[in-house]
Amino acid sequence: MNKVLKKIEHFKDTKSKKLNLSYLNLTEIPDNVFELDNVEHLQLSFNDIKIIPQKIKKLNCRIIEIHHN
């Protein structure tokens, strides 16, 4: 299992509200992030994400950090 999936699984297991996917060399937001209904703080900074999909609006996040992409 790669780092991203491990972080997402850990997030689910701990019932955390903050998911940190920064510094993972992501080129897009993983689809399974959009299935998470309890994420309030999503960190995606310092990756290589160029396009933010419209479905990001459906997340219940209060904070989305996506700088330095």
PDB file of N, CA and C in Angstrom:
ATOM      1  N   MET A   1       0.854  -1.187   0.000  1.00  0.00           N
ATOM      2  CA  MET A   1       0.000   0.000   0.000  1.00  0.00           C
ATOM      3  C   MET A   1       0.896   1.246   0.000  1.00  0.00           C
ATOM      4  N   ASN A   2       0.588   2.201  -0.835  1.00  0.00           N
ATOM      5  CA  ASN A   2       1.454   3.386  -0.892  1.00  0.00           C
ATOM      6  C   ASN A   2       1.163   4.366   0.245  1.00  0.00           C
ATOM      7  N   LYS A   3       1.993   5.382   0.327  1.00  0.00           N
ATOM      8  CA  LYS A   3       1.886   6.367   1.419  1.00  0.00           C
ATOM      9  C   LYS A   3       0.533   7.054   1.468  1.00  0.00           C
ATOM     10  N   VAL A   4       0.019   7.417   0.304  1.00  0.00           N
ATOM     11  CA  VAL A   4      -1.253   8.144   0.255  1.00  0.00           C
ATOM     12  C   VAL A   4      -2.378   7.279   0.819  1.00  0.00           C
ATOM     13  N   LEU A   5      -2.447   6.054   0.358  1.00  0.00           N
ATOM     14  CA  LEU A   5      -3.502   5.158   0.847  1.00  0.00           C
ATOM     15  C   LEU A   5      -3.353   4.872   2.333  1.00  0.00           C
ATOM     16  N   LYS A   6      -2.125   4.735   2.791  1.00  0.00           N
ATOM     17  CA  LYS A   6      -1.890   4.521   4.223  1.00  0.00           C
ATOM     18  C   LYS A   6      -2.390   5.707   5.040  1.00  0.00           C
ATOM     19  N   LYS A   7      -2.111   6.906   4.552  1.00  0.00           N
ATOM     20  CA  LYS A   7      -2.560   8.107   5.276  1.00  0.00           C
ATOM     21  C   LYS A   7      -4.089   8.197   5.304  1.00  0.00           C
ATOM     22  N   ILE A   8      -4.718   7.862   4.193  1.00  0.00           N
ATOM     23  CA  ILE A   8      -6.177   7.909   4.130  1.00  0.00           C
ATOM     24  C   ILE A   8      -6.779   6.841   5.049  1.00  0.00           C
ATOM     25  N   GLU A   9      -6.221   5.651   5.042  1.00  0.00           N
ATOM     26  CA  GLU A   9      -6.707   4.589   5.928  1.00  0.00           C
ATOM     27  C   GLU A   9      -6.512   4.956   7.394  1.00  0.00           C
ATOM     28  N   HIS A  10      -5.377   5.555   7.708  1.00  0.00           N
ATOM     29  CA  HIS A  10      -5.134   6.000   9.084  1.00  0.00           C
ATOM     30  C   HIS A  10      -6.157   7.064   9.491  1.00  0.00           C
ATOM     31  N   PHE A  11      -6.435   7.974   8.576  1.00  0.00           N
ATOM     32  CA  PHE A  11      -7.439   9.007   8.826  1.00  0.00           C
ATOM     33  C   PHE A  11      -8.786   8.364   9.163  1.00  0.00           C
ATOM     34  N   LYS A  12      -9.191   7.390   8.383  1.00  0.00           N
ATOM     35  CA  LYS A  12     -10.470   6.697   8.619  1.00  0.00           C
ATOM     36  C   LYS A  12     -10.461   5.972   9.959  1.00  0.00           C
ATOM     37  N   ASP A  13      -9.373   5.275  10.245  1.00  0.00           N
ATOM     38  CA  ASP A  13      -9.282   4.475  11.470  1.00  0.00           C
ATOM     39  C   ASP A  13      -9.312   5.320  12.734  1.00  0.00           C
ATOM     40  N   THR A  14      -8.696   6.484  12.669  1.00  0.00           N
ATOM     41  CA  THR A  14      -8.602   7.327  13.868  1.00  0.00           C
ATOM     42  C   THR A  14      -9.767   8.293  14.003  1.00  0.00           C
ATOM     43  N   LYS A  15     -10.598   8.355  12.991  1.00  0.00           N
ATOM     44  CA  LYS A  15     -11.736   9.291  12.978  1.00  0.00           C
ATOM     45  C   LYS A  15     -11.287  10.733  13.184  1.00  0.00           C
ATOM     46  N   SER A  16     -10.132  11.025  12.636  1.00  0.00           N
ATOM     47  CA  SER A  16      -9.571  12.368  12.709  1.00  0.00           C
ATOM     48  C   SER A  16     -10.404  13.326  11.851  1.00  0.00           C
ATOM     49  N   LYS A  17     -10.191  14.593  12.021  1.00  0.00           N
ATOM     50  CA  LYS A  17     -10.852  15.617  11.206  1.00  0.00           C
ATOM     51  C   LYS A  17      -9.880  16.263  10.226  1.00  0.00           C
ATOM     52  N   LYS A  18      -8.591  15.956  10.398  1.00  0.00           N
ATOM     53  CA  LYS A  18      -7.544  16.584   9.588  1.00  0.00           C
ATOM     54  C   LYS A  18      -6.797  15.517   8.799  1.00  0.00           C
ATOM     55  N   LEU A  19      -6.727  15.715   7.482  1.00  0.00           N
ATOM     56  CA  LEU A  19      -6.009  14.798   6.612  1.00  0.00           C
ATOM     57  C   LEU A  19      -4.874  15.551   5.938  1.00  0.00           C
ATOM     58  N   ASN A  20      -3.657  15.101   6.187  1.00  0.00           N
ATOM     59  CA  ASN A  20      -2.479  15.758   5.633  1.00  0.00           C
ATOM     60  C   ASN A  20      -1.905  14.913   4.505  1.00  0.00           C
ATOM     61  N   LEU A  21      -2.055  15.401   3.273  1.00  0.00           N
ATOM     62  CA  LEU A  21      -1.483  14.752   2.105  1.00  0.00           C
ATOM     63  C   LEU A  21      -0.449  15.658   1.437  1.00  0.00           C
ATOM     64  N   SER A  22       0.204  16.453   2.225  1.00  0.00           N
ATOM     65  CA  SER A  22       1.256  17.345   1.729  1.00  0.00           C
ATOM     66  C   SER A  22       2.548  16.574   1.509  1.00  0.00           C
ATOM     67  N   TYR A  23       3.397  17.114   0.621  1.00  0.00           N
ATOM     68  CA  TYR A  23       4.731  16.558   0.367  1.00  0.00           C
ATOM     69  C   TYR A  23       4.701  15.107  -0.125  1.00  0.00           C
ATOM     70  N   LEU A  24       3.713  14.754  -0.934  1.00  0.00           N
ATOM     71  CA  LEU A  24       3.621  13.382  -1.425  1.00  0.00           C
ATOM     72  C   LEU A  24       3.756  13.282  -2.943  1.00  0.00           C
ATOM     73  N   ASN A  25       4.152  14.379  -3.565  1.00  0.00           N
ATOM     74  CA  ASN A  25       4.331  14.407  -5.023  1.00  0.00           C
ATOM     75  C   ASN A  25       3.062  14.056  -5.792  1.00  0.00           C
ATOM     76  N   LEU A  26       1.932  14.443  -5.251  1.00  0.00           N
ATOM     77  CA  LEU A  26       0.657  14.173  -5.924  1.00  0.00           C
ATOM     78  C   LEU A  26       0.515  15.065  -7.153  1.00  0.00           C
ATOM     79  N   THR A  27      -0.016  14.512  -8.202  1.00  0.00           N
ATOM     80  CA  THR A  27      -0.315  15.307  -9.399  1.00  0.00           C
ATOM     81  C   THR A  27      -1.808  15.570  -9.513  1.00  0.00           C
ATOM     82  N   GLU A  28      -2.590  14.872  -8.705  1.00  0.00           N
ATOM     83  CA  GLU A  28      -4.038  15.105  -8.633  1.00  0.00           C
ATOM     84  C   GLU A  28      -4.527  14.686  -7.255  1.00  0.00           C
ATOM     85  N   ILE A  29      -5.705  15.118  -6.921  1.00  0.00           N
ATOM     86  CA  ILE A  29      -6.297  14.745  -5.640  1.00  0.00           C
ATOM     87  C   ILE A  29      -6.861  13.336  -5.797  1.00  0.00           C
ATOM     88  N   PRO A  30      -6.466  12.409  -4.938  1.00  0.00           N
ATOM     89  CA  PRO A  30      -6.956  11.034  -5.059  1.00  0.00           C
ATOM     90  C   PRO A  30      -8.484  10.962  -4.951  1.00  0.00           C
ATOM     91  N   ASP A  31      -9.092  10.143  -5.785  1.00  0.00           N
ATOM     92  CA  ASP A  31     -10.550  10.028  -5.808  1.00  0.00           C
ATOM     93  C   ASP A  31     -11.141   9.631  -4.465  1.00  0.00           C
ATOM     94  N   ASN A  32     -10.466   8.780  -3.722  1.00  0.00           N
ATOM     95  CA  ASN A  32     -11.047   8.335  -2.452  1.00  0.00           C
ATOM     96  C   ASN A  32     -11.105   9.447  -1.400  1.00  0.00           C
ATOM     97  N   VAL A  33     -10.411  10.546  -1.623  1.00  0.00           N
ATOM     98  CA  VAL A  33     -10.537  11.701  -0.718  1.00  0.00           C
ATOM     99  C   VAL A  33     -11.967  12.258  -0.781  1.00  0.00           C
ATOM    100  N   PHE A  34     -12.565  12.201  -1.955  1.00  0.00           N
ATOM    101  CA  PHE A  34     -13.912  12.757  -2.136  1.00  0.00           C
ATOM    102  C   PHE A  34     -14.991  11.885  -1.519  1.00  0.00           C
ATOM    103  N   GLU A  35     -14.617  10.709  -1.057  1.00  0.00           N
ATOM    104  CA  GLU A  35     -15.557   9.818  -0.378  1.00  0.00           C
ATOM    105  C   GLU A  35     -15.557  10.029   1.137  1.00  0.00           C
ATOM    106  N   LEU A  36     -14.649  10.844   1.618  1.00  0.00           N
ATOM    107  CA  LEU A  36     -14.536  11.092   3.054  1.00  0.00           C
ATOM    108  C   LEU A  36     -15.502  12.192   3.467  1.00  0.00           C
ATOM    109  N   ASP A  37     -16.406  11.875   4.350  1.00  0.00           N
ATOM    110  CA  ASP A  37     -17.396  12.879   4.742  1.00  0.00           C
ATOM    111  C   ASP A  37     -17.066  13.592   6.050  1.00  0.00           C
ATOM    112  N   ASN A  38     -16.029  13.146   6.741  1.00  0.00           N
ATOM    113  CA  ASN A  38     -15.715  13.780   8.024  1.00  0.00           C
ATOM    114  C   ASN A  38     -14.449  14.629   8.010  1.00  0.00           C
ATOM    115  N   VAL A  39     -13.848  14.814   6.832  1.00  0.00           N
ATOM    116  CA  VAL A  39     -12.639  15.634   6.780  1.00  0.00           C
ATOM    117  C   VAL A  39     -13.025  17.116   6.849  1.00  0.00           C
ATOM    118  N   GLU A  40     -12.465  17.809   7.839  1.00  0.00           N
ATOM    119  CA  GLU A  40     -12.727  19.241   8.001  1.00  0.00           C
ATOM    120  C   GLU A  40     -11.537  20.092   7.596  1.00  0.00           C
ATOM    121  N   HIS A  41     -10.363  19.481   7.630  1.00  0.00           N
ATOM    122  CA  HIS A  41      -9.131  20.197   7.299  1.00  0.00           C
ATOM    123  C   HIS A  41      -8.322  19.296   6.372  1.00  0.00           C
ATOM    124  N   LEU A  42      -8.168  19.724   5.134  1.00  0.00           N
ATOM    125  CA  LEU A  42      -7.462  18.940   4.130  1.00  0.00           C
ATOM    126  C   LEU A  42      -6.200  19.688   3.715  1.00  0.00           C
ATOM    127  N   GLN A  43      -5.063  19.050   3.882  1.00  0.00           N
ATOM    128  CA  GLN A  43      -3.786  19.649   3.518  1.00  0.00           C
ATOM    129  C   GLN A  43      -3.245  18.943   2.277  1.00  0.00           C
ATOM    130  N   LEU A  44      -3.044  19.712   1.220  1.00  0.00           N
ATOM    131  CA  LEU A  44      -2.551  19.186  -0.053  1.00  0.00           C
ATOM    132  C   LEU A  44      -1.342  19.983  -0.551  1.00  0.00           C
ATOM    133  N   SER A  45      -0.739  20.735   0.299  1.00  0.00           N
ATOM    134  CA  SER A  45       0.343  21.638  -0.095  1.00  0.00           C
ATOM    135  C   SER A  45       1.622  20.892  -0.464  1.00  0.00           C
ATOM    136  N   PHE A  46       2.460  21.582  -1.230  1.00  0.00           N
ATOM    137  CA  PHE A  46       3.774  21.079  -1.628  1.00  0.00           C
ATOM    138  C   PHE A  46       3.685  19.755  -2.388  1.00  0.00           C
ATOM    139  N   ASN A  47       2.787  19.729  -3.355  1.00  0.00           N
ATOM    140  CA  ASN A  47       2.659  18.622  -4.285  1.00  0.00           C
ATOM    141  C   ASN A  47       2.837  19.180  -5.688  1.00  0.00           C
ATOM    142  N   ASP A  48       2.287  18.519  -6.666  1.00  0.00           N
ATOM    143  CA  ASP A  48       2.357  18.999  -8.041  1.00  0.00           C
ATOM    144  C   ASP A  48       0.960  18.968  -8.674  1.00  0.00           C
ATOM    145  N   ILE A  49      -0.025  19.393  -7.893  1.00  0.00           N
ATOM    146  CA  ILE A  49      -1.421  19.397  -8.339  1.00  0.00           C
ATOM    147  C   ILE A  49      -1.656  20.648  -9.180  1.00  0.00           C
ATOM    148  N   LYS A  50      -2.099  20.464 -10.394  1.00  0.00           N
ATOM    149  CA  LYS A  50      -2.313  21.591 -11.312  1.00  0.00           C
ATOM    150  C   LYS A  50      -3.790  21.916 -11.511  1.00  0.00           C
ATOM    151  N   ILE A  51      -4.645  20.928 -11.349  1.00  0.00           N
ATOM    152  CA  ILE A  51      -6.076  21.126 -11.581  1.00  0.00           C
ATOM    153  C   ILE A  51      -6.851  20.700 -10.335  1.00  0.00           C
ATOM    154  N   ILE A  52      -7.726  21.577  -9.885  1.00  0.00           N
ATOM    155  CA  ILE A  52      -8.603  21.275  -8.758  1.00  0.00           C
ATOM    156  C   ILE A  52      -9.973  20.915  -9.332  1.00  0.00           C
ATOM    157  N   PRO A  53     -10.423  19.693  -9.138  1.00  0.00           N
ATOM    158  CA  PRO A  53     -11.715  19.305  -9.713  1.00  0.00           C
ATOM    159  C   PRO A  53     -12.886  20.002  -9.021  1.00  0.00           C
ATOM    160  N   GLN A  54     -13.951  20.174  -9.763  1.00  0.00           N
ATOM    161  CA  GLN A  54     -15.149  20.826  -9.232  1.00  0.00           C
ATOM    162  C   GLN A  54     -15.726  20.091  -8.024  1.00  0.00           C
ATOM    163  N   LYS A  55     -15.550  18.790  -7.984  1.00  0.00           N
ATOM    164  CA  LYS A  55     -16.135  18.011  -6.889  1.00  0.00           C
ATOM    165  C   LYS A  55     -15.523  18.334  -5.528  1.00  0.00           C
ATOM    166  N   ILE A  56     -14.465  19.128  -5.506  1.00  0.00           N
ATOM    167  CA  ILE A  56     -13.890  19.515  -4.215  1.00  0.00           C
ATOM    168  C   ILE A  56     -14.904  20.348  -3.412  1.00  0.00           C
ATOM    169  N   LYS A  57     -15.821  20.980  -4.111  1.00  0.00           N
ATOM    170  CA  LYS A  57     -16.859  21.778  -3.444  1.00  0.00           C
ATOM    171  C   LYS A  57     -17.783  20.915  -2.600  1.00  0.00           C
ATOM    172  N   LYS A  58     -17.854  19.644  -2.897  1.00  0.00           N
ATOM    173  CA  LYS A  58     -18.754  18.740  -2.182  1.00  0.00           C
ATOM    174  C   LYS A  58     -18.197  18.273  -0.847  1.00  0.00           C
ATOM    175  N   LEU A  59     -16.910  18.504  -0.636  1.00  0.00           N
ATOM    176  CA  LEU A  59     -16.317  18.132   0.650  1.00  0.00           C
ATOM    177  C   LEU A  59     -16.827  19.062   1.742  1.00  0.00           C
ATOM    178  N   ASN A  60     -16.920  18.547   2.943  1.00  0.00           N
ATOM    179  CA  ASN A  60     -17.380  19.352   4.076  1.00  0.00           C
ATOM    180  C   ASN A  60     -16.222  20.037   4.790  1.00  0.00           C
ATOM    181  N   CYS A  61     -15.185  20.344   4.040  1.00  0.00           N
ATOM    182  CA  CYS A  61     -13.994  20.962   4.639  1.00  0.00           C
ATOM    183  C   CYS A  61     -14.248  22.411   5.022  1.00  0.00           C
ATOM    184  N   ARG A  62     -13.709  22.760   6.155  1.00  0.00           N
ATOM    185  CA  ARG A  62     -13.695  24.169   6.539  1.00  0.00           C
ATOM    186  C   ARG A  62     -12.394  24.805   6.089  1.00  0.00           C
ATOM    187  N   ILE A  63     -11.333  23.979   5.994  1.00  0.00           N
ATOM    188  CA  ILE A  63     -10.018  24.472   5.602  1.00  0.00           C
ATOM    189  C   ILE A  63      -9.434  23.522   4.556  1.00  0.00           C
ATOM    190  N   ILE A  64      -8.999  24.101   3.435  1.00  0.00           N
ATOM    191  CA  ILE A  64      -8.267  23.345   2.429  1.00  0.00           C
ATOM    192  C   ILE A  64      -6.985  24.111   2.136  1.00  0.00           C
ATOM    193  N   GLU A  65      -5.883  23.495   2.417  1.00  0.00           N
ATOM    194  CA  GLU A  65      -4.573  24.105   2.158  1.00  0.00           C
ATOM    195  C   GLU A  65      -4.016  23.469   0.891  1.00  0.00           C
ATOM    196  N   ILE A  66      -3.729  24.300  -0.091  1.00  0.00           N
ATOM    197  CA  ILE A  66      -3.261  23.759  -1.360  1.00  0.00           C
ATOM    198  C   ILE A  66      -2.171  24.638  -1.983  1.00  0.00           C
ATOM    199  N   HIS A  67      -1.463  25.329  -1.146  1.00  0.00           N
ATOM    200  CA  HIS A  67      -0.408  26.223  -1.635  1.00  0.00           C
ATOM    201  C   HIS A  67       0.831  25.443  -2.059  1.00  0.00           C
ATOM    202  N   HIS A  68       1.669  26.076  -2.859  1.00  0.00           N
ATOM    203  CA  HIS A  68       2.919  25.517  -3.365  1.00  0.00           C
ATOM    204  C   HIS A  68       2.692  24.238  -4.178  1.00  0.00           C
ATOM    205  N   ASN A  69       1.851  24.368  -5.171  1.00  0.00           N
ATOM    206  CA  ASN A  69       1.612  23.285  -6.116  1.00  0.00           C
ATOM    207  C   ASN A  69       1.950  23.767  -7.494  1.00  0.00           C
TER     208      ASN A  69
END
